[in-house]
Amino acid sequence: MARNGIAGLLRQHAWSLGTFVGIIVAWEILVWALRIPAFVLPRPSRVALLLLDRWELFGRHLAYSAQEILLGFAASVAIGVPLAIGIVYSGIVERISYAIIVPFQAIPKTALAPLLILWFGYGLASKVAVAFLIAFFPIVVNTVIGMRSVEPEMLHLSRSLGARPWQTFLKIRLPKALPSMFGGFKVAVALAVVGTIVGEYIGANAGLGYIQLVASANLDTPMVFGVIIILSLLGLALFGLVGVLERMVIRWKPGEAQLEPGRETI
C-alpha cells in the first residue's frame, strides 16, 4: 500500500521532478563549462556539500527562524480570524477596522521593521511582530470573503427554522468559509517566512536571515545559496502542512452538500 502511494505520488509529480533535476544538472554543467567563480555563482554540488558539512549551524539557525515564523503565523490566525468575524457581524467594527488595517497594509514592512526593532529589541519579539504584520491581512480578508459567500437563502432558511445566531455561524457560515480561510492561511504562512527574514535582516543575532546577511557581507555566495535553499524548503513544508490540516478539517469538496446523512435541519 505504501509503495503504491509513493509510486503514485512520483507519477503525479514526474514532470515537476524532472524539470527540477534538469535545471540543477544544467546549472552544474554551465558553471563548470564557463568557469564561473564560486563567489558569483557556485555549483549546486558545492552548495550541497556545504549544507552537509555545516548542518549543525544551519539547523540551529533554522530552529530559531522557524520559531519566529510559527509564532507570528499563530498570532495572525488568533487575532485575524476573530477580527474577521467581528467585521462580518458588525458594521461599526468593519468601518473602524478597514479604516486602520487597509492603509496600514499599504506601508512597506521594511519601513516598519526598524521601529519594531527599536521597540521590541533584537530578540524574538520583534521578528514575531514583523511576521504577524505581514501575514495578518490575507487571513482577515479571506475569512471575511468566505463568511460573506453564504447564500442569503441559507441564512433566511436558518432563521425560519429558529436557529440561533451561534448555530447559524457553526453550521453555515464557518463551514462555508473554511476553504477561503485555508487559502488565506496558505498565503499567510508563506508571507510569515518573508516577514521573519526581513526582520532578521534589519536586526538580529541569530536566524537564517542573520547568517545570510553575514555570508553576503563576506562574499560567501555558497552560504547565501544554502540559506535560500533551506528557506525554500521551509516555506514548502509549512505550505504543505497547512494543506494537510486543510484536508483533515475539510472533509468535503467545495460546492458539495455539507449536511450529514439523515440530518436535514439546522
Protein backbone atom coordinates (compact mmCIF):
# COMPACT_ATOMS: atom_id res chain seq x y z
CA MET A 1 0.00 0.00 0.00
CA ALA A 2 2.79 2.39 0.97
CA ARG A 3 4.74 1.55 -2.18
CA ASN A 4 1.70 2.19 -4.35
CA GLY A 5 1.17 5.54 -2.64
CA ILE A 6 4.78 6.60 -3.17
CA ALA A 7 4.73 5.39 -6.77
CA GLY A 8 1.53 7.30 -7.43
CA LEU A 9 2.99 10.44 -5.90
CA LEU A 10 6.09 10.14 -8.08
CA ARG A 11 3.99 9.64 -11.21
CA GLN A 12 1.86 12.65 -10.30
CA HIS A 13 4.86 14.93 -9.92
CA ALA A 14 7.13 13.32 -12.51
CA TRP A 15 7.24 16.37 -14.79
CA SER A 16 7.96 18.72 -11.89
CA LEU A 17 10.73 16.49 -10.53
CA GLY A 18 12.21 16.01 -13.99
CA THR A 19 12.25 19.75 -14.64
CA PHE A 20 13.89 20.43 -11.27
CA VAL A 21 16.59 17.83 -11.84
CA GLY A 22 17.20 19.16 -15.35
CA ILE A 23 17.69 22.70 -14.05
CA ILE A 24 20.18 21.51 -11.40
CA VAL A 25 22.16 19.49 -13.95
CA ALA A 26 22.20 22.38 -16.44
CA TRP A 27 23.31 24.75 -13.69
CA GLU A 28 26.18 22.43 -12.69
CA ILE A 29 27.38 22.00 -16.27
CA LEU A 30 27.07 25.70 -17.09
CA VAL A 31 29.13 26.84 -14.09
CA TRP A 32 31.77 24.17 -14.79
CA ALA A 33 31.98 24.89 -18.54
CA LEU A 34 32.14 28.68 -18.22
CA ARG A 35 34.44 28.55 -15.17
CA ILE A 36 32.24 30.96 -13.25
CA PRO A 37 33.82 31.91 -9.90
CA ALA A 38 32.10 30.49 -6.81
CA PHE A 39 31.56 33.96 -5.33
CA VAL A 40 29.48 34.83 -8.42
CA LEU A 41 27.56 31.58 -8.90
CA PRO A 42 28.52 28.40 -7.03
CA ARG A 43 27.87 24.93 -8.37
CA PRO A 44 24.91 23.08 -6.86
CA SER A 45 27.23 20.28 -5.76
CA ARG A 46 29.31 22.76 -3.76
CA VAL A 47 26.20 24.16 -2.09
CA ALA A 48 25.02 20.62 -1.26
CA LEU A 49 28.39 19.75 0.29
CA LEU A 50 28.28 22.96 2.33
CA LEU A 51 24.81 22.08 3.64
CA LEU A 52 26.02 18.64 4.68
CA ASP A 53 29.22 19.95 6.23
CA ARG A 54 27.58 22.80 8.20
CA TRP A 55 24.28 21.12 9.01
CA GLU A 56 24.63 21.88 12.73
CA LEU A 57 24.98 25.62 12.06
CA PHE A 58 22.08 25.65 9.60
CA GLY A 59 19.92 23.52 11.88
CA ARG A 60 20.44 25.80 14.87
CA HIS A 61 19.53 28.95 12.99
CA LEU A 62 16.69 27.17 11.18
CA ALA A 63 15.11 26.26 14.52
CA TYR A 64 15.31 29.89 15.64
CA SER A 65 13.74 31.25 12.44
CA ALA A 66 11.06 28.54 12.39
CA GLN A 67 10.05 29.51 15.92
CA GLU A 68 9.63 33.14 14.87
CA ILE A 69 7.64 32.15 11.77
CA LEU A 70 5.26 29.84 13.62
CA LEU A 71 4.65 32.31 16.45
CA GLY A 72 3.98 35.14 14.01
CA PHE A 73 1.64 32.98 11.94
CA ALA A 74 -0.18 31.71 15.03
CA ALA A 75 -0.66 35.28 16.26
CA SER A 76 -2.03 36.35 12.87
CA VAL A 77 -4.57 33.49 12.96
CA ALA A 78 -5.52 34.08 16.60
CA ILE A 79 -6.18 37.79 16.00
CA GLY A 80 -7.16 37.83 12.33
CA VAL A 81 -9.97 35.27 12.43
CA PRO A 82 -11.87 36.83 15.39
CA LEU A 83 -11.45 40.27 13.82
CA ALA A 84 -12.87 38.97 10.53
CA ILE A 85 -15.86 37.52 12.39
CA GLY A 86 -16.41 40.91 14.02
CA ILE A 87 -16.25 42.60 10.60
CA VAL A 88 -18.87 40.22 9.19
CA TYR A 89 -21.30 40.66 12.09
CA SER A 90 -20.80 44.36 12.90
CA GLY A 91 -20.85 47.31 10.53
CA ILE A 92 -19.12 49.50 13.14
CA VAL A 93 -16.26 47.02 13.55
CA GLU A 94 -15.98 46.80 9.76
CA ARG A 95 -15.69 50.56 9.26
CA ILE A 96 -13.21 51.03 12.10
CA SER A 97 -11.09 48.00 11.17
CA TYR A 98 -10.83 48.71 7.46
CA ALA A 99 -10.02 52.35 8.15
CA ILE A 100 -6.97 51.15 10.08
CA ILE A 101 -5.76 47.91 8.52
CA VAL A 102 -6.09 48.83 4.83
CA PRO A 103 -3.87 51.97 4.96
CA PHE A 104 -1.54 50.14 7.36
CA GLN A 105 -1.18 47.25 4.92
CA ALA A 106 -0.02 49.67 2.22
CA ILE A 107 3.03 50.60 4.32
CA PRO A 108 6.09 48.51 3.35
CA LYS A 109 7.02 46.30 6.27
CA THR A 110 10.69 47.08 5.68
CA ALA A 111 9.84 50.62 6.76
CA LEU A 112 8.22 49.36 9.97
CA ALA A 113 10.87 46.78 10.86
CA PRO A 114 13.39 49.32 12.26
CA LEU A 115 10.69 50.73 14.55
CA LEU A 116 9.76 47.24 15.75
CA ILE A 117 13.42 46.50 16.43
CA LEU A 118 13.63 49.75 18.40
CA TRP A 119 10.50 48.96 20.42
CA PHE A 120 10.96 45.22 20.98
CA GLY A 121 14.73 44.83 20.72
CA TYR A 122 16.84 42.39 18.71
CA GLY A 123 15.30 39.27 20.19
CA LEU A 124 12.38 37.04 19.30
CA ALA A 125 9.54 39.54 19.81
CA SER A 126 10.49 41.97 17.03
CA LYS A 127 10.70 39.26 14.36
CA VAL A 128 7.43 37.70 15.51
CA ALA A 129 5.84 41.16 15.21
CA VAL A 130 7.07 41.59 11.62
CA ALA A 131 5.86 38.11 10.66
CA PHE A 132 2.49 38.83 12.27
CA LEU A 133 2.03 42.15 10.47
CA ILE A 134 2.79 40.75 7.04
CA ALA A 135 0.68 37.59 7.49
CA PHE A 136 -2.30 39.25 9.20
CA PHE A 137 -4.03 40.92 6.24
CA PRO A 138 -4.68 37.92 3.93
CA ILE A 139 -6.19 35.97 6.83
CA VAL A 140 -8.65 38.75 7.63
CA VAL A 141 -9.63 39.38 4.02
CA ASN A 142 -10.05 35.71 3.05
CA THR A 143 -12.04 34.91 6.18
CA VAL A 144 -14.40 37.84 5.56
CA ILE A 145 -14.85 36.84 1.92
CA GLY A 146 -15.55 33.23 2.89
CA MET A 147 -18.12 34.07 5.53
CA ARG A 148 -19.90 36.52 3.25
CA SER A 149 -20.09 33.97 0.46
CA VAL A 150 -23.02 32.24 2.15
CA GLU A 151 -26.16 32.35 0.02
CA PRO A 152 -28.82 34.67 1.52
CA GLU A 153 -31.38 31.89 1.08
CA MET A 154 -29.43 29.71 3.51
CA LEU A 155 -29.44 32.46 6.13
CA HIS A 156 -33.17 33.05 5.63
CA LEU A 157 -33.80 29.32 5.95
CA SER A 158 -31.84 29.08 9.20
CA ARG A 159 -33.79 31.96 10.70
CA SER A 160 -37.11 30.48 9.57
CA LEU A 161 -36.16 27.20 11.29
CA GLY A 162 -35.50 29.07 14.52
CA ALA A 163 -31.72 28.66 14.53
CA ARG A 164 -29.83 30.85 16.95
CA PRO A 165 -27.01 33.10 15.64
CA TRP A 166 -24.29 30.86 17.04
CA GLN A 167 -25.93 27.82 15.39
CA THR A 168 -26.06 29.62 12.05
CA PHE A 169 -22.39 30.51 12.46
CA LEU A 170 -21.25 26.97 13.30
CA LYS A 171 -23.48 25.13 10.82
CA ILE A 172 -23.49 27.51 7.85
CA ARG A 173 -21.05 30.43 7.90
CA LEU A 174 -17.98 28.66 9.27
CA PRO A 175 -18.15 25.53 7.03
CA LYS A 176 -18.78 27.76 4.00
CA ALA A 177 -15.81 29.96 4.89
CA LEU A 178 -13.28 27.19 5.60
CA PRO A 179 -11.93 26.77 2.02
CA SER A 180 -11.38 30.51 1.72
CA MET A 181 -9.88 30.68 5.21
CA PHE A 182 -7.35 27.97 4.46
CA GLY A 183 -6.47 29.75 1.23
CA GLY A 184 -5.62 32.76 3.38
CA PHE A 185 -3.66 30.58 5.80
CA LYS A 186 -1.52 29.22 2.95
CA VAL A 187 -0.71 32.71 1.72
CA ALA A 188 -0.09 33.93 5.26
CA VAL A 189 2.33 31.17 6.25
CA ALA A 190 4.47 31.89 3.19
CA LEU A 191 4.39 35.61 3.96
CA ALA A 192 5.35 34.89 7.57
CA VAL A 193 8.62 33.41 6.26
CA VAL A 194 9.26 36.61 4.31
CA GLY A 195 8.40 38.80 7.30
CA THR A 196 10.72 36.89 9.61
CA ILE A 197 13.67 37.15 7.24
CA VAL A 198 13.02 40.88 6.73
CA GLY A 199 13.11 41.34 10.50
CA GLU A 200 16.35 39.37 10.75
CA TYR A 201 17.91 41.47 8.01
CA ILE A 202 17.16 44.66 9.92
CA GLY A 203 18.48 43.49 13.25
CA ALA A 204 19.16 40.06 14.72
CA ASN A 205 21.89 37.95 16.29
CA ALA A 206 20.50 34.58 15.15
CA GLY A 207 18.34 33.08 12.42
CA LEU A 208 18.67 32.22 8.75
CA GLY A 209 18.36 35.86 7.69
CA TYR A 210 21.18 36.76 10.05
CA ILE A 211 23.64 34.17 8.72
CA GLN A 212 22.69 35.05 5.14
CA LEU A 213 23.43 38.71 5.85
CA VAL A 214 26.80 37.81 7.35
CA ALA A 215 27.61 35.48 4.44
CA SER A 216 26.69 38.18 1.92
CA ALA A 217 29.00 40.68 3.63
CA ASN A 218 31.82 38.11 3.43
CA LEU A 219 31.08 37.27 -0.23
CA ASP A 220 30.33 33.71 0.85
CA THR A 221 27.92 33.04 -2.01
CA PRO A 222 27.63 29.27 -1.41
CA MET A 223 26.40 30.03 2.12
CA VAL A 224 23.88 32.52 0.71
CA PHE A 225 22.56 29.89 -1.69
CA GLY A 226 22.43 27.35 1.13
CA VAL A 227 20.17 29.64 3.15
CA ILE A 228 17.98 30.27 0.09
CA ILE A 229 17.51 26.52 -0.41
CA ILE A 230 16.64 25.98 3.25
CA LEU A 231 14.14 28.85 3.19
CA SER A 232 12.53 27.44 0.05
CA LEU A 233 12.18 24.01 1.63
CA LEU A 234 10.88 25.53 4.87
CA GLY A 235 8.24 27.54 3.02
CA LEU A 236 7.23 24.47 1.02
CA ALA A 237 7.00 22.35 4.18
CA LEU A 238 4.85 24.91 6.02
CA PHE A 239 2.59 25.34 2.98
CA GLY A 240 2.20 21.57 2.76
CA LEU A 241 1.50 21.34 6.50
CA VAL A 242 -1.36 23.82 6.17
CA GLY A 243 -2.62 21.80 3.19
CA VAL A 244 -2.61 18.60 5.27
CA LEU A 245 -4.51 20.38 8.04
CA GLU A 246 -6.99 21.64 5.44
CA ARG A 247 -7.69 18.10 4.22
CA MET A 248 -8.17 16.95 7.81
CA VAL A 249 -10.64 19.74 8.61
CA ILE A 250 -12.49 20.00 5.30
CA ARG A 251 -13.76 16.52 4.50
CA TRP A 252 -15.96 17.64 1.63
CA LYS A 253 -15.14 19.19 -1.71
CA PRO A 254 -16.09 22.85 -2.10
CA GLY A 255 -19.52 23.04 -3.67
CA GLU A 256 -20.72 19.68 -2.33
CA ALA A 257 -23.55 19.37 0.15
CA GLN A 258 -22.28 19.77 3.69
CA LEU A 259 -25.21 18.27 5.61
CA GLU A 260 -24.57 14.91 7.17
CA PRO A 261 -26.74 12.00 6.02
CA GLY A 262 -30.01 11.88 7.92
CA ARG A 263 -29.64 15.44 9.22
CA GLU A 264 -31.77 17.86 7.27
CA THR A 265 -32.36 20.53 9.88
CA ILE A 266 -30.14 23.23 11.27
